[in-house]
Amino acid sequence: MTLPESLQQSFDTKLQQDQESRKMPILSNIERRAMEAGRQEGMQTGLQQGMLQTARSNVLEVLTVRFNSVPLDLTNRVNQIADIAILKDLLKRAISIGSIAEFEQILDANSPAN
C-alpha cells in the first residue's frame, strides 16, 4: 500500500523524530552532579571577577574624585591587582593620601616584586 506524497513525508518526519528521541542519552546522576558543579564553579568565578572589578573601580574612582585624574600607567597597575585584600587596603589609603605620588609609593610597597 502506498501513501499519498504529503502523508508519506509527514510519516517519515515523525518516524525520524521518534528515532532521534530514542537515541537521546539519559544523563546519569553523576553527569547531572558534574554539570551542576561546573555551573556553580562558573558562577563563583564570575562573582569573584565581579568583586575584583568593583574593588578596582572603587580605588580608581576615589583617586579620580580626589585628584581629578589618574595617570594611565597607575590605572593599568591597579587593574592588574588580583588580590581583593590589597585592593581594600588601597581603597582605604586612597581616601586619606595627600597626592597621587604618595599613592604610587603605597602601590610600589604592595607590588609582588617587593
N, C-alpha and C. Protein backbone atom coordinates (compact mmCIF):
# COMPACT_ATOMS: atom_id res chain seq x y z
N MET A 1 0.84 -1.17 0.00
CA MET A 1 0.00 0.00 0.00
C MET A 1 0.89 1.24 0.00
N THR A 2 0.56 2.19 -0.84
CA THR A 2 1.33 3.41 -0.98
C THR A 2 0.53 4.58 -0.43
N LEU A 3 1.23 5.41 0.37
CA LEU A 3 0.59 6.61 0.92
C LEU A 3 0.73 7.76 -0.05
N PRO A 4 -0.21 8.70 0.02
CA PRO A 4 -0.03 9.92 -0.79
C PRO A 4 1.26 10.63 -0.34
N GLU A 5 1.87 11.40 -1.24
CA GLU A 5 3.16 12.05 -1.00
C GLU A 5 3.18 12.86 0.29
N SER A 6 2.17 13.68 0.54
CA SER A 6 2.15 14.53 1.74
C SER A 6 2.10 13.69 3.01
N LEU A 7 1.31 12.61 2.99
CA LEU A 7 1.24 11.74 4.16
C LEU A 7 2.54 10.97 4.36
N GLN A 8 3.17 10.58 3.26
CA GLN A 8 4.44 9.86 3.35
C GLN A 8 5.51 10.75 3.98
N GLN A 9 5.56 12.03 3.58
CA GLN A 9 6.54 12.97 4.16
C GLN A 9 6.27 13.17 5.64
N SER A 10 5.01 13.32 6.00
CA SER A 10 4.65 13.50 7.40
C SER A 10 5.04 12.27 8.21
N PHE A 11 4.74 11.10 7.67
CA PHE A 11 5.10 9.85 8.34
C PHE A 11 6.62 9.73 8.52
N ASP A 12 7.37 10.03 7.45
CA ASP A 12 8.83 9.95 7.51
C ASP A 12 9.40 10.90 8.56
N THR A 13 8.86 12.11 8.60
CA THR A 13 9.31 13.11 9.57
C THR A 13 9.06 12.63 11.00
N LYS A 14 7.86 12.14 11.25
CA LYS A 14 7.52 11.68 12.60
C LYS A 14 8.34 10.45 12.98
N LEU A 15 8.58 9.58 12.04
CA LEU A 15 9.39 8.41 12.30
C LEU A 15 10.82 8.81 12.65
N GLN A 16 11.36 9.76 11.90
CA GLN A 16 12.73 10.23 12.17
C GLN A 16 12.81 10.88 13.55
N GLN A 17 11.81 11.71 13.89
CA GLN A 17 11.80 12.36 15.20
C GLN A 17 11.75 11.32 16.32
N ASP A 18 10.93 10.31 16.13
CA ASP A 18 10.81 9.26 17.13
C ASP A 18 12.14 8.52 17.31
N GLN A 19 12.79 8.22 16.21
CA GLN A 19 14.08 7.52 16.28
C GLN A 19 15.14 8.38 16.95
N GLU A 20 15.14 9.67 16.65
CA GLU A 20 16.12 10.57 17.27
C GLU A 20 15.88 10.70 18.77
N SER A 21 14.61 10.76 19.17
CA SER A 21 14.32 10.90 20.59
C SER A 21 14.77 9.66 21.36
N ARG A 22 14.74 8.52 20.73
CA ARG A 22 15.18 7.28 21.39
C ARG A 22 16.70 7.22 21.51
N LYS A 23 17.39 7.94 20.63
CA LYS A 23 18.86 7.96 20.67
C LYS A 23 19.38 8.89 21.76
N MET A 24 18.55 9.82 22.20
CA MET A 24 18.98 10.82 23.17
C MET A 24 19.45 10.14 24.45
N PRO A 25 20.66 10.42 24.87
CA PRO A 25 21.16 9.76 26.08
C PRO A 25 20.47 10.31 27.33
N ILE A 26 20.30 9.44 28.26
CA ILE A 26 19.74 9.85 29.54
C ILE A 26 20.93 10.16 30.45
N LEU A 27 20.91 11.35 31.02
CA LEU A 27 22.01 11.76 31.88
C LEU A 27 21.96 10.98 33.20
N SER A 28 23.08 10.49 33.58
CA SER A 28 23.16 9.79 34.86
C SER A 28 23.23 10.82 35.98
N ASN A 29 23.00 10.35 37.18
CA ASN A 29 23.09 11.24 38.34
C ASN A 29 24.48 11.85 38.45
N ILE A 30 25.50 11.07 38.14
CA ILE A 30 26.88 11.57 38.21
C ILE A 30 27.07 12.69 37.21
N GLU A 31 26.56 12.50 35.99
CA GLU A 31 26.70 13.55 34.98
C GLU A 31 25.96 14.81 35.39
N ARG A 32 24.77 14.64 35.94
CA ARG A 32 24.00 15.81 36.40
C ARG A 32 24.74 16.56 37.50
N ARG A 33 25.29 15.81 38.45
CA ARG A 33 26.04 16.46 39.53
C ARG A 33 27.28 17.16 39.00
N ALA A 34 27.95 16.54 38.04
CA ALA A 34 29.13 17.17 37.45
C ALA A 34 28.76 18.46 36.72
N MET A 35 27.64 18.42 36.01
CA MET A 35 27.19 19.62 35.31
C MET A 35 26.83 20.73 36.31
N GLU A 36 26.17 20.37 37.38
CA GLU A 36 25.79 21.35 38.39
C GLU A 36 27.03 21.93 39.07
N ALA A 37 28.00 21.07 39.36
CA ALA A 37 29.25 21.55 39.97
C ALA A 37 29.96 22.52 39.02
N GLY A 38 29.98 22.20 37.75
CA GLY A 38 30.59 23.10 36.76
C GLY A 38 29.87 24.43 36.69
N ARG A 39 28.55 24.37 36.74
CA ARG A 39 27.75 25.59 36.71
C ARG A 39 28.03 26.44 37.95
N GLN A 40 28.09 25.79 39.12
CA GLN A 40 28.37 26.51 40.36
C GLN A 40 29.76 27.13 40.34
N GLU A 41 30.73 26.37 39.82
CA GLU A 41 32.09 26.89 39.74
C GLU A 41 32.15 28.11 38.81
N GLY A 42 31.44 28.04 37.71
CA GLY A 42 31.39 29.17 36.79
C GLY A 42 30.76 30.39 37.44
N MET A 43 29.70 30.18 38.20
CA MET A 43 29.05 31.30 38.89
C MET A 43 29.99 31.90 39.92
N GLN A 44 30.69 31.05 40.66
CA GLN A 44 31.62 31.52 41.69
C GLN A 44 32.75 32.33 41.06
N THR A 45 33.29 31.83 39.95
CA THR A 45 34.36 32.54 39.26
C THR A 45 33.87 33.90 38.78
N GLY A 46 32.67 33.92 38.22
CA GLY A 46 32.10 35.18 37.75
C GLY A 46 31.89 36.17 38.89
N LEU A 47 31.43 35.67 40.02
CA LEU A 47 31.22 36.52 41.19
C LEU A 47 32.55 37.10 41.68
N GLN A 48 33.58 36.27 41.75
CA GLN A 48 34.89 36.75 42.19
C GLN A 48 35.44 37.80 41.23
N GLN A 49 35.28 37.57 39.93
CA GLN A 49 35.76 38.54 38.95
C GLN A 49 35.00 39.85 39.09
N GLY A 50 33.71 39.76 39.34
CA GLY A 50 32.91 40.97 39.54
C GLY A 50 33.34 41.74 40.78
N MET A 51 33.64 41.03 41.85
CA MET A 51 34.10 41.69 43.07
C MET A 51 35.44 42.37 42.86
N LEU A 52 36.34 41.69 42.15
CA LEU A 52 37.65 42.29 41.85
C LEU A 52 37.49 43.55 41.02
N GLN A 53 36.66 43.48 39.98
CA GLN A 53 36.48 44.64 39.11
C GLN A 53 35.86 45.80 39.88
N THR A 54 34.91 45.51 40.75
CA THR A 54 34.30 46.56 41.57
C THR A 54 35.32 47.19 42.50
N ALA A 55 36.15 46.37 43.13
CA ALA A 55 37.18 46.90 44.04
C ALA A 55 38.17 47.78 43.28
N ARG A 56 38.58 47.34 42.11
CA ARG A 56 39.49 48.16 41.29
C ARG A 56 38.84 49.49 40.92
N SER A 57 37.60 49.42 40.48
CA SER A 57 36.87 50.63 40.09
C SER A 57 36.73 51.59 41.26
N ASN A 58 36.47 51.05 42.44
CA ASN A 58 36.32 51.90 43.63
C ASN A 58 37.60 52.66 43.94
N VAL A 59 38.74 51.97 43.87
CA VAL A 59 40.03 52.62 44.12
C VAL A 59 40.24 53.75 43.12
N LEU A 60 40.03 53.45 41.86
CA LEU A 60 40.27 54.45 40.81
C LEU A 60 39.27 55.61 40.89
N GLU A 61 38.05 55.32 41.29
CA GLU A 61 37.05 56.38 41.42
C GLU A 61 37.41 57.34 42.55
N VAL A 62 37.86 56.81 43.68
CA VAL A 62 38.26 57.68 44.80
C VAL A 62 39.44 58.56 44.37
N LEU A 63 40.41 57.96 43.70
CA LEU A 63 41.57 58.74 43.24
C LEU A 63 41.14 59.83 42.25
N THR A 64 40.22 59.51 41.37
CA THR A 64 39.74 60.49 40.39
C THR A 64 38.99 61.62 41.08
N VAL A 65 38.16 61.30 42.04
CA VAL A 65 37.41 62.34 42.76
C VAL A 65 38.37 63.23 43.54
N ARG A 66 39.36 62.64 44.15
CA ARG A 66 40.29 63.42 44.98
C ARG A 66 41.29 64.23 44.16
N PHE A 67 41.76 63.68 43.04
CA PHE A 67 42.85 64.33 42.31
C PHE A 67 42.50 64.68 40.86
N ASN A 68 41.24 64.59 40.51
CA ASN A 68 40.69 64.96 39.19
C ASN A 68 41.07 64.03 38.06
N SER A 69 42.21 63.41 38.10
CA SER A 69 42.57 62.44 37.06
C SER A 69 43.59 61.46 37.62
N VAL A 70 43.67 60.32 36.97
CA VAL A 70 44.61 59.28 37.37
C VAL A 70 45.44 58.92 36.15
N PRO A 71 46.76 58.95 36.27
CA PRO A 71 47.60 58.60 35.12
C PRO A 71 47.28 57.19 34.61
N LEU A 72 47.38 57.02 33.30
CA LEU A 72 47.05 55.74 32.68
C LEU A 72 47.89 54.59 33.23
N ASP A 73 49.18 54.84 33.46
CA ASP A 73 50.03 53.76 33.98
C ASP A 73 49.58 53.32 35.37
N LEU A 74 49.11 54.27 36.17
CA LEU A 74 48.62 53.95 37.51
C LEU A 74 47.30 53.16 37.40
N THR A 75 46.45 53.58 36.48
CA THR A 75 45.20 52.86 36.24
C THR A 75 45.49 51.42 35.84
N ASN A 76 46.44 51.24 34.94
CA ASN A 76 46.80 49.89 34.49
C ASN A 76 47.34 49.05 35.64
N ARG A 77 48.14 49.66 36.49
CA ARG A 77 48.70 48.91 37.63
C ARG A 77 47.60 48.46 38.59
N VAL A 78 46.67 49.36 38.87
CA VAL A 78 45.56 48.99 39.76
C VAL A 78 44.73 47.88 39.12
N ASN A 79 44.51 47.97 37.82
CA ASN A 79 43.70 46.96 37.13
C ASN A 79 44.38 45.60 37.04
N GLN A 80 45.67 45.53 37.33
CA GLN A 80 46.40 44.26 37.32
C GLN A 80 46.34 43.54 38.67
N ILE A 81 45.90 44.24 39.70
CA ILE A 81 45.87 43.64 41.05
C ILE A 81 44.73 42.63 41.12
N ALA A 82 45.06 41.42 41.57
CA ALA A 82 44.07 40.35 41.63
C ALA A 82 43.82 39.87 43.06
N ASP A 83 44.20 40.69 44.03
CA ASP A 83 44.02 40.33 45.44
C ASP A 83 43.04 41.33 46.06
N ILE A 84 41.88 40.84 46.44
CA ILE A 84 40.83 41.71 46.97
C ILE A 84 41.26 42.40 48.26
N ALA A 85 42.06 41.74 49.08
CA ALA A 85 42.52 42.34 50.34
C ALA A 85 43.43 43.54 50.07
N ILE A 86 44.31 43.41 49.09
CA ILE A 86 45.18 44.54 48.73
C ILE A 86 44.34 45.69 48.19
N LEU A 87 43.36 45.38 47.37
CA LEU A 87 42.50 46.44 46.81
C LEU A 87 41.71 47.15 47.91
N LYS A 88 41.23 46.41 48.89
CA LYS A 88 40.50 47.03 50.00
C LYS A 88 41.42 47.97 50.79
N ASP A 89 42.65 47.53 51.01
CA ASP A 89 43.63 48.36 51.71
C ASP A 89 43.95 49.62 50.89
N LEU A 90 44.13 49.45 49.59
CA LEU A 90 44.42 50.60 48.72
C LEU A 90 43.25 51.58 48.71
N LEU A 91 42.04 51.08 48.77
CA LEU A 91 40.87 51.97 48.80
C LEU A 91 40.90 52.84 50.06
N LYS A 92 41.16 52.22 51.20
CA LYS A 92 41.23 52.98 52.46
C LYS A 92 42.33 54.04 52.39
N ARG A 93 43.47 53.66 51.84
CA ARG A 93 44.59 54.60 51.74
C ARG A 93 44.30 55.70 50.73
N ALA A 94 43.61 55.37 49.64
CA ALA A 94 43.29 56.37 48.62
C ALA A 94 42.42 57.48 49.19
N ILE A 95 41.64 57.16 50.19
CA ILE A 95 40.76 58.15 50.82
C ILE A 95 41.56 59.19 51.59
N SER A 96 42.68 58.79 52.17
CA SER A 96 43.39 59.70 53.07
C SER A 96 44.75 60.20 52.58
N ILE A 97 45.25 59.72 51.46
CA ILE A 97 46.58 60.14 51.00
C ILE A 97 46.57 61.60 50.55
N GLY A 98 47.77 62.17 50.47
CA GLY A 98 47.89 63.58 50.10
C GLY A 98 48.12 63.83 48.63
N SER A 99 48.59 62.81 47.90
CA SER A 99 48.88 63.04 46.48
C SER A 99 48.89 61.72 45.71
N ILE A 100 48.84 61.84 44.41
CA ILE A 100 48.96 60.67 43.54
C ILE A 100 50.33 60.02 43.73
N ALA A 101 51.37 60.84 43.89
CA ALA A 101 52.72 60.32 44.08
C ALA A 101 52.79 59.46 45.34
N GLU A 102 52.11 59.91 46.39
CA GLU A 102 52.08 59.13 47.63
C GLU A 102 51.36 57.79 47.40
N PHE A 103 50.29 57.82 46.63
CA PHE A 103 49.58 56.58 46.32
C PHE A 103 50.48 55.63 45.52
N GLU A 104 51.25 56.17 44.59
CA GLU A 104 52.16 55.34 43.80
C GLU A 104 53.20 54.66 44.70
N GLN A 105 53.67 55.39 45.73
CA GLN A 105 54.62 54.78 46.67
C GLN A 105 53.96 53.63 47.44
N ILE A 106 52.72 53.84 47.84
CA ILE A 106 51.98 52.78 48.53
C ILE A 106 51.79 51.58 47.61
N LEU A 107 51.47 51.87 46.36
CA LEU A 107 51.29 50.81 45.37
C LEU A 107 52.59 50.04 45.15
N ASP A 108 53.70 50.77 45.09
CA ASP A 108 55.01 50.12 44.95
C ASP A 108 55.29 49.18 46.13
N ALA A 109 54.94 49.63 47.32
CA ALA A 109 55.17 48.82 48.52
C ALA A 109 54.30 47.56 48.53
N ASN A 110 53.16 47.61 47.86
CA ASN A 110 52.24 46.46 47.81
C ASN A 110 52.43 45.58 46.59
N SER A 111 53.35 45.95 45.71
CA SER A 111 53.53 45.14 44.50
C SER A 111 54.24 43.84 44.83
N PRO A 112 53.97 42.77 44.09
CA PRO A 112 54.57 41.47 44.38
C PRO A 112 56.09 41.44 44.26
N ALA A 113 56.67 42.40 43.54
CA ALA A 113 58.13 42.43 43.37
C ALA A 113 58.83 42.77 44.67
N ASN A 114 58.10 43.41 45.60
CA ASN A 114 58.72 43.84 46.87
C ASN A 114 58.44 42.85 47.97
